[in-house]
Amino acid sequence: MDTAENGRQALQKTAQNFYNLALIDIRLPDMEGTELLTTLKPTTPRMIKIILTGYPALKNAVAAINKGVDYYIVKPIDTPELLRVIREAVQRRAEYGDEAR
């Protein structure tokens, strides 16, 4: 497990390490989560990407889906539900590979 305090740090870390999954807030200190998705998509195609947002809007959900998010979760986060989504995402990726999207 690892953390990044902003989008720039997340990009640096993903350039140096492989991560199976990323939990990304829609609003980061230095960029929007959808902007981070755009940058991550070509370099980390197998990473499961989950957007978390306290600002649910259809525009944000559509943008996130178009930019490669696997799941879009609205805050407040229900921990058991988040863990269920993570297990499901990992299982789907293991069973279906990149076709799980």
N, C-alpha and C. Protein backbone atom coordinates (compact mmCIF):
# COMPACT_ATOMS: atom_id res chain seq x y z
N MET A 1 0.84 -1.18 0.00
CA MET A 1 0.00 0.00 0.00
C MET A 1 0.89 1.24 0.00
N ASP A 2 0.41 2.28 -0.68
CA ASP A 2 1.18 3.50 -0.81
C ASP A 2 0.19 4.66 -0.92
N THR A 3 0.65 5.86 -0.70
CA THR A 3 -0.20 7.03 -0.84
C THR A 3 0.55 8.12 -1.60
N ALA A 4 -0.24 9.00 -2.18
CA ALA A 4 0.30 10.19 -2.83
C ALA A 4 -0.54 11.37 -2.36
N GLU A 5 0.11 12.47 -2.10
CA GLU A 5 -0.61 13.63 -1.57
C GLU A 5 -1.24 14.49 -2.65
N ASN A 6 -0.84 14.28 -3.91
CA ASN A 6 -1.40 15.05 -5.01
C ASN A 6 -1.21 14.29 -6.31
N GLY A 7 -1.74 14.83 -7.38
CA GLY A 7 -1.65 14.15 -8.67
C GLY A 7 -0.23 14.01 -9.18
N ARG A 8 0.57 15.06 -9.02
CA ARG A 8 1.96 15.02 -9.49
C ARG A 8 2.73 13.90 -8.80
N GLN A 9 2.54 13.78 -7.50
CA GLN A 9 3.22 12.71 -6.76
C GLN A 9 2.72 11.33 -7.20
N ALA A 10 1.44 11.22 -7.48
CA ALA A 10 0.89 9.95 -7.97
C ALA A 10 1.53 9.57 -9.30
N LEU A 11 1.70 10.54 -10.18
CA LEU A 11 2.33 10.28 -11.48
C LEU A 11 3.78 9.84 -11.31
N GLN A 12 4.50 10.48 -10.41
CA GLN A 12 5.89 10.10 -10.16
C GLN A 12 5.96 8.67 -9.63
N LYS A 13 5.09 8.34 -8.71
CA LYS A 13 5.12 7.00 -8.11
C LYS A 13 4.74 5.93 -9.13
N THR A 14 3.74 6.20 -9.97
CA THR A 14 3.35 5.19 -10.96
C THR A 14 4.39 5.04 -12.06
N ALA A 15 5.23 6.04 -12.24
CA ALA A 15 6.32 5.92 -13.21
C ALA A 15 7.43 5.01 -12.69
N GLN A 16 7.51 4.88 -11.37
CA GLN A 16 8.58 4.10 -10.75
C GLN A 16 8.14 2.73 -10.26
N ASN A 17 6.83 2.56 -10.02
CA ASN A 17 6.32 1.32 -9.43
C ASN A 17 5.06 0.87 -10.14
N PHE A 18 4.76 -0.43 -10.02
CA PHE A 18 3.51 -0.97 -10.56
C PHE A 18 2.51 -1.05 -9.42
N TYR A 19 1.30 -0.55 -9.67
CA TYR A 19 0.21 -0.64 -8.69
C TYR A 19 -0.97 -1.34 -9.35
N ASN A 20 -1.60 -2.22 -8.60
CA ASN A 20 -2.78 -2.93 -9.11
C ASN A 20 -4.03 -2.08 -9.08
N LEU A 21 -4.07 -1.13 -8.14
CA LEU A 21 -5.30 -0.38 -7.91
C LEU A 21 -4.98 1.02 -7.43
N ALA A 22 -5.80 2.00 -7.86
CA ALA A 22 -5.65 3.37 -7.37
C ALA A 22 -7.01 3.90 -6.95
N LEU A 23 -7.07 4.48 -5.75
CA LEU A 23 -8.24 5.21 -5.29
C LEU A 23 -7.92 6.68 -5.51
N ILE A 24 -8.69 7.35 -6.33
CA ILE A 24 -8.38 8.72 -6.75
C ILE A 24 -9.54 9.64 -6.38
N ASP A 25 -9.25 10.68 -5.64
CA ASP A 25 -10.28 11.68 -5.33
C ASP A 25 -10.51 12.54 -6.56
N ILE A 26 -11.74 12.95 -6.77
CA ILE A 26 -12.05 13.77 -7.94
C ILE A 26 -11.38 15.14 -7.85
N ARG A 27 -11.18 15.62 -6.62
CA ARG A 27 -10.54 16.93 -6.42
C ARG A 27 -9.24 16.74 -5.66
N LEU A 28 -8.15 16.92 -6.39
CA LEU A 28 -6.82 16.81 -5.80
C LEU A 28 -6.27 18.23 -5.62
N PRO A 29 -5.28 18.40 -4.76
CA PRO A 29 -4.74 19.74 -4.53
C PRO A 29 -4.18 20.42 -5.77
N ASP A 30 -3.65 19.65 -6.70
CA ASP A 30 -3.00 20.25 -7.86
C ASP A 30 -3.65 19.95 -9.20
N MET A 31 -4.69 19.13 -9.22
CA MET A 31 -5.38 18.82 -10.47
C MET A 31 -6.68 18.09 -10.17
N GLU A 32 -7.51 17.97 -11.17
CA GLU A 32 -8.73 17.19 -11.04
C GLU A 32 -8.38 15.71 -11.18
N GLY A 33 -9.13 14.86 -10.51
CA GLY A 33 -8.91 13.42 -10.62
C GLY A 33 -9.07 12.92 -12.04
N THR A 34 -9.97 13.54 -12.80
CA THR A 34 -10.15 13.14 -14.20
C THR A 34 -8.92 13.48 -15.04
N GLU A 35 -8.23 14.56 -14.69
CA GLU A 35 -6.98 14.90 -15.38
C GLU A 35 -5.91 13.84 -15.08
N LEU A 36 -5.87 13.40 -13.82
CA LEU A 36 -4.93 12.34 -13.45
C LEU A 36 -5.26 11.06 -14.22
N LEU A 37 -6.54 10.74 -14.34
CA LEU A 37 -6.94 9.55 -15.11
C LEU A 37 -6.43 9.62 -16.55
N THR A 38 -6.56 10.78 -17.17
CA THR A 38 -6.11 10.97 -18.55
C THR A 38 -4.62 10.67 -18.68
N THR A 39 -3.85 11.12 -17.71
CA THR A 39 -2.40 10.92 -17.75
C THR A 39 -2.02 9.48 -17.41
N LEU A 40 -2.76 8.87 -16.50
CA LEU A 40 -2.44 7.51 -16.08
C LEU A 40 -2.84 6.45 -17.12
N LYS A 41 -3.91 6.68 -17.83
CA LYS A 41 -4.47 5.66 -18.72
C LYS A 41 -3.45 5.02 -19.66
N PRO A 42 -2.65 5.80 -20.40
CA PRO A 42 -1.72 5.14 -21.33
C PRO A 42 -0.55 4.44 -20.64
N THR A 43 -0.18 4.90 -19.45
CA THR A 43 1.00 4.32 -18.79
C THR A 43 0.66 3.20 -17.82
N THR A 44 -0.61 3.11 -17.41
CA THR A 44 -1.01 2.08 -16.43
C THR A 44 -2.33 1.43 -16.86
N PRO A 45 -2.38 0.84 -18.03
CA PRO A 45 -3.66 0.32 -18.53
C PRO A 45 -4.25 -0.80 -17.68
N ARG A 46 -3.43 -1.55 -16.97
CA ARG A 46 -3.95 -2.66 -16.19
C ARG A 46 -4.32 -2.27 -14.76
N MET A 47 -3.97 -1.07 -14.35
CA MET A 47 -4.31 -0.61 -13.00
C MET A 47 -5.82 -0.39 -12.89
N ILE A 48 -6.42 -0.90 -11.84
CA ILE A 48 -7.83 -0.64 -11.56
C ILE A 48 -7.91 0.77 -10.97
N LYS A 49 -8.76 1.60 -11.56
CA LYS A 49 -8.86 2.99 -11.13
C LYS A 49 -10.27 3.25 -10.59
N ILE A 50 -10.33 3.71 -9.34
CA ILE A 50 -11.60 4.00 -8.69
C ILE A 50 -11.61 5.48 -8.30
N ILE A 51 -12.60 6.21 -8.79
CA ILE A 51 -12.75 7.63 -8.43
C ILE A 51 -13.68 7.72 -7.22
N LEU A 52 -13.29 8.54 -6.25
CA LEU A 52 -14.11 8.84 -5.08
C LEU A 52 -14.47 10.32 -5.16
N THR A 53 -15.72 10.65 -4.92
CA THR A 53 -16.10 12.05 -5.00
C THR A 53 -17.15 12.44 -3.98
N GLY A 54 -16.97 13.61 -3.44
CA GLY A 54 -17.98 14.22 -2.60
C GLY A 54 -18.78 15.24 -3.39
N TYR A 55 -18.49 15.34 -4.68
CA TYR A 55 -19.13 16.29 -5.57
C TYR A 55 -19.75 15.54 -6.76
N PRO A 56 -20.76 14.72 -6.49
CA PRO A 56 -21.32 13.93 -7.58
C PRO A 56 -22.03 14.81 -8.61
N ALA A 57 -21.68 14.59 -9.83
CA ALA A 57 -22.31 15.31 -10.94
C ALA A 57 -22.24 14.41 -12.16
N LEU A 58 -23.28 14.41 -12.93
CA LEU A 58 -23.31 13.58 -14.14
C LEU A 58 -22.12 13.91 -15.04
N LYS A 59 -21.78 15.19 -15.15
CA LYS A 59 -20.65 15.61 -15.99
C LYS A 59 -19.35 14.95 -15.51
N ASN A 60 -19.12 14.94 -14.20
CA ASN A 60 -17.92 14.30 -13.65
C ASN A 60 -17.92 12.79 -13.89
N ALA A 61 -19.06 12.16 -13.70
CA ALA A 61 -19.15 10.71 -13.90
C ALA A 61 -18.87 10.35 -15.35
N VAL A 62 -19.46 11.08 -16.28
CA VAL A 62 -19.24 10.81 -17.71
C VAL A 62 -17.77 11.04 -18.07
N ALA A 63 -17.20 12.14 -17.57
CA ALA A 63 -15.79 12.43 -17.86
C ALA A 63 -14.90 11.32 -17.32
N ALA A 64 -15.17 10.85 -16.10
CA ALA A 64 -14.36 9.79 -15.50
C ALA A 64 -14.46 8.50 -16.31
N ILE A 65 -15.66 8.16 -16.73
CA ILE A 65 -15.85 6.93 -17.52
C ILE A 65 -15.12 7.04 -18.85
N ASN A 66 -15.23 8.19 -19.49
CA ASN A 66 -14.55 8.40 -20.78
C ASN A 66 -13.03 8.38 -20.64
N LYS A 67 -12.54 8.64 -19.45
CA LYS A 67 -11.09 8.70 -19.23
C LYS A 67 -10.54 7.43 -18.58
N GLY A 68 -11.35 6.38 -18.50
CA GLY A 68 -10.82 5.09 -18.09
C GLY A 68 -11.05 4.65 -16.67
N VAL A 69 -11.94 5.30 -15.93
CA VAL A 69 -12.20 4.87 -14.56
C VAL A 69 -12.95 3.53 -14.59
N ASP A 70 -12.66 2.70 -13.62
CA ASP A 70 -13.36 1.42 -13.52
C ASP A 70 -14.60 1.53 -12.64
N TYR A 71 -14.53 2.34 -11.60
CA TYR A 71 -15.65 2.54 -10.69
C TYR A 71 -15.68 3.99 -10.25
N TYR A 72 -16.87 4.49 -9.99
CA TYR A 72 -17.11 5.87 -9.56
C TYR A 72 -17.95 5.78 -8.29
N ILE A 73 -17.38 6.19 -7.16
CA ILE A 73 -18.05 6.02 -5.86
C ILE A 73 -18.26 7.39 -5.23
N VAL A 74 -19.49 7.62 -4.76
CA VAL A 74 -19.86 8.89 -4.14
C VAL A 74 -19.64 8.80 -2.63
N LYS A 75 -19.01 9.87 -2.08
CA LYS A 75 -18.81 9.97 -0.64
C LYS A 75 -20.12 10.40 0.00
N PRO A 76 -20.37 10.12 1.25
CA PRO A 76 -19.44 9.48 2.17
C PRO A 76 -19.29 8.00 1.81
N ILE A 77 -18.10 7.52 2.03
CA ILE A 77 -17.76 6.15 1.65
C ILE A 77 -18.21 5.18 2.73
N ASP A 78 -18.92 4.17 2.29
CA ASP A 78 -19.29 3.07 3.16
C ASP A 78 -18.17 2.03 3.03
N THR A 79 -17.37 1.87 4.07
CA THR A 79 -16.18 1.02 4.00
C THR A 79 -16.48 -0.39 3.52
N PRO A 80 -17.49 -1.08 4.06
CA PRO A 80 -17.78 -2.43 3.55
C PRO A 80 -18.12 -2.42 2.05
N GLU A 81 -18.83 -1.39 1.60
CA GLU A 81 -19.16 -1.30 0.18
C GLU A 81 -17.91 -1.05 -0.66
N LEU A 82 -17.02 -0.18 -0.19
CA LEU A 82 -15.77 0.07 -0.91
C LEU A 82 -14.95 -1.20 -1.01
N LEU A 83 -14.85 -1.95 0.08
CA LEU A 83 -14.10 -3.21 0.05
C LEU A 83 -14.75 -4.22 -0.90
N ARG A 84 -16.09 -4.24 -0.96
CA ARG A 84 -16.79 -5.13 -1.88
C ARG A 84 -16.45 -4.75 -3.33
N VAL A 85 -16.46 -3.46 -3.63
CA VAL A 85 -16.15 -2.99 -4.98
C VAL A 85 -14.71 -3.36 -5.34
N ILE A 86 -13.78 -3.17 -4.41
CA ILE A 86 -12.38 -3.51 -4.67
C ILE A 86 -12.23 -5.01 -4.93
N ARG A 87 -12.85 -5.83 -4.10
CA ARG A 87 -12.79 -7.29 -4.33
C ARG A 87 -13.36 -7.66 -5.68
N GLU A 88 -14.50 -7.07 -6.02
CA GLU A 88 -15.14 -7.35 -7.31
C GLU A 88 -14.24 -6.93 -8.47
N ALA A 89 -13.64 -5.76 -8.36
CA ALA A 89 -12.77 -5.26 -9.43
C ALA A 89 -11.56 -6.16 -9.61
N VAL A 90 -10.94 -6.56 -8.53
CA VAL A 90 -9.76 -7.44 -8.59
C VAL A 90 -10.15 -8.79 -9.17
N GLN A 91 -11.28 -9.32 -8.73
CA GLN A 91 -11.74 -10.62 -9.23
C GLN A 91 -12.05 -10.54 -10.73
N ARG A 92 -12.75 -9.50 -11.14
CA ARG A 92 -13.08 -9.34 -12.56
C ARG A 92 -11.82 -9.21 -13.40
N ARG A 93 -10.84 -8.46 -12.93
CA ARG A 93 -9.60 -8.28 -13.67
C ARG A 93 -8.86 -9.62 -13.77
N ALA A 94 -8.87 -10.41 -12.69
CA ALA A 94 -8.20 -11.70 -12.70
C ALA A 94 -8.88 -12.67 -13.66
N GLU A 95 -10.22 -12.63 -13.70
CA GLU A 95 -10.97 -13.55 -14.57
C GLU A 95 -10.97 -13.14 -16.03
N TYR A 96 -11.10 -11.85 -16.27
CA TYR A 96 -11.31 -11.39 -17.64
C TYR A 96 -10.19 -10.52 -18.21
N GLY A 97 -9.20 -10.20 -17.41
CA GLY A 97 -8.10 -9.36 -17.87
C GLY A 97 -8.59 -7.98 -18.26
N ASP A 98 -8.05 -7.42 -19.30
CA ASP A 98 -8.42 -6.07 -19.74
C ASP A 98 -9.84 -6.01 -20.29
N GLU A 99 -10.44 -7.15 -20.59
CA GLU A 99 -11.82 -7.17 -21.08
C GLU A 99 -12.81 -6.95 -19.96
N ALA A 100 -12.36 -6.85 -18.70
CA ALA A 100 -13.24 -6.68 -17.54
C ALA A 100 -13.89 -5.30 -17.55
N ARG A 101 -13.42 -4.39 -18.34
CA ARG A 101 -13.96 -3.02 -18.35
C ARG A 101 -15.23 -2.93 -19.11
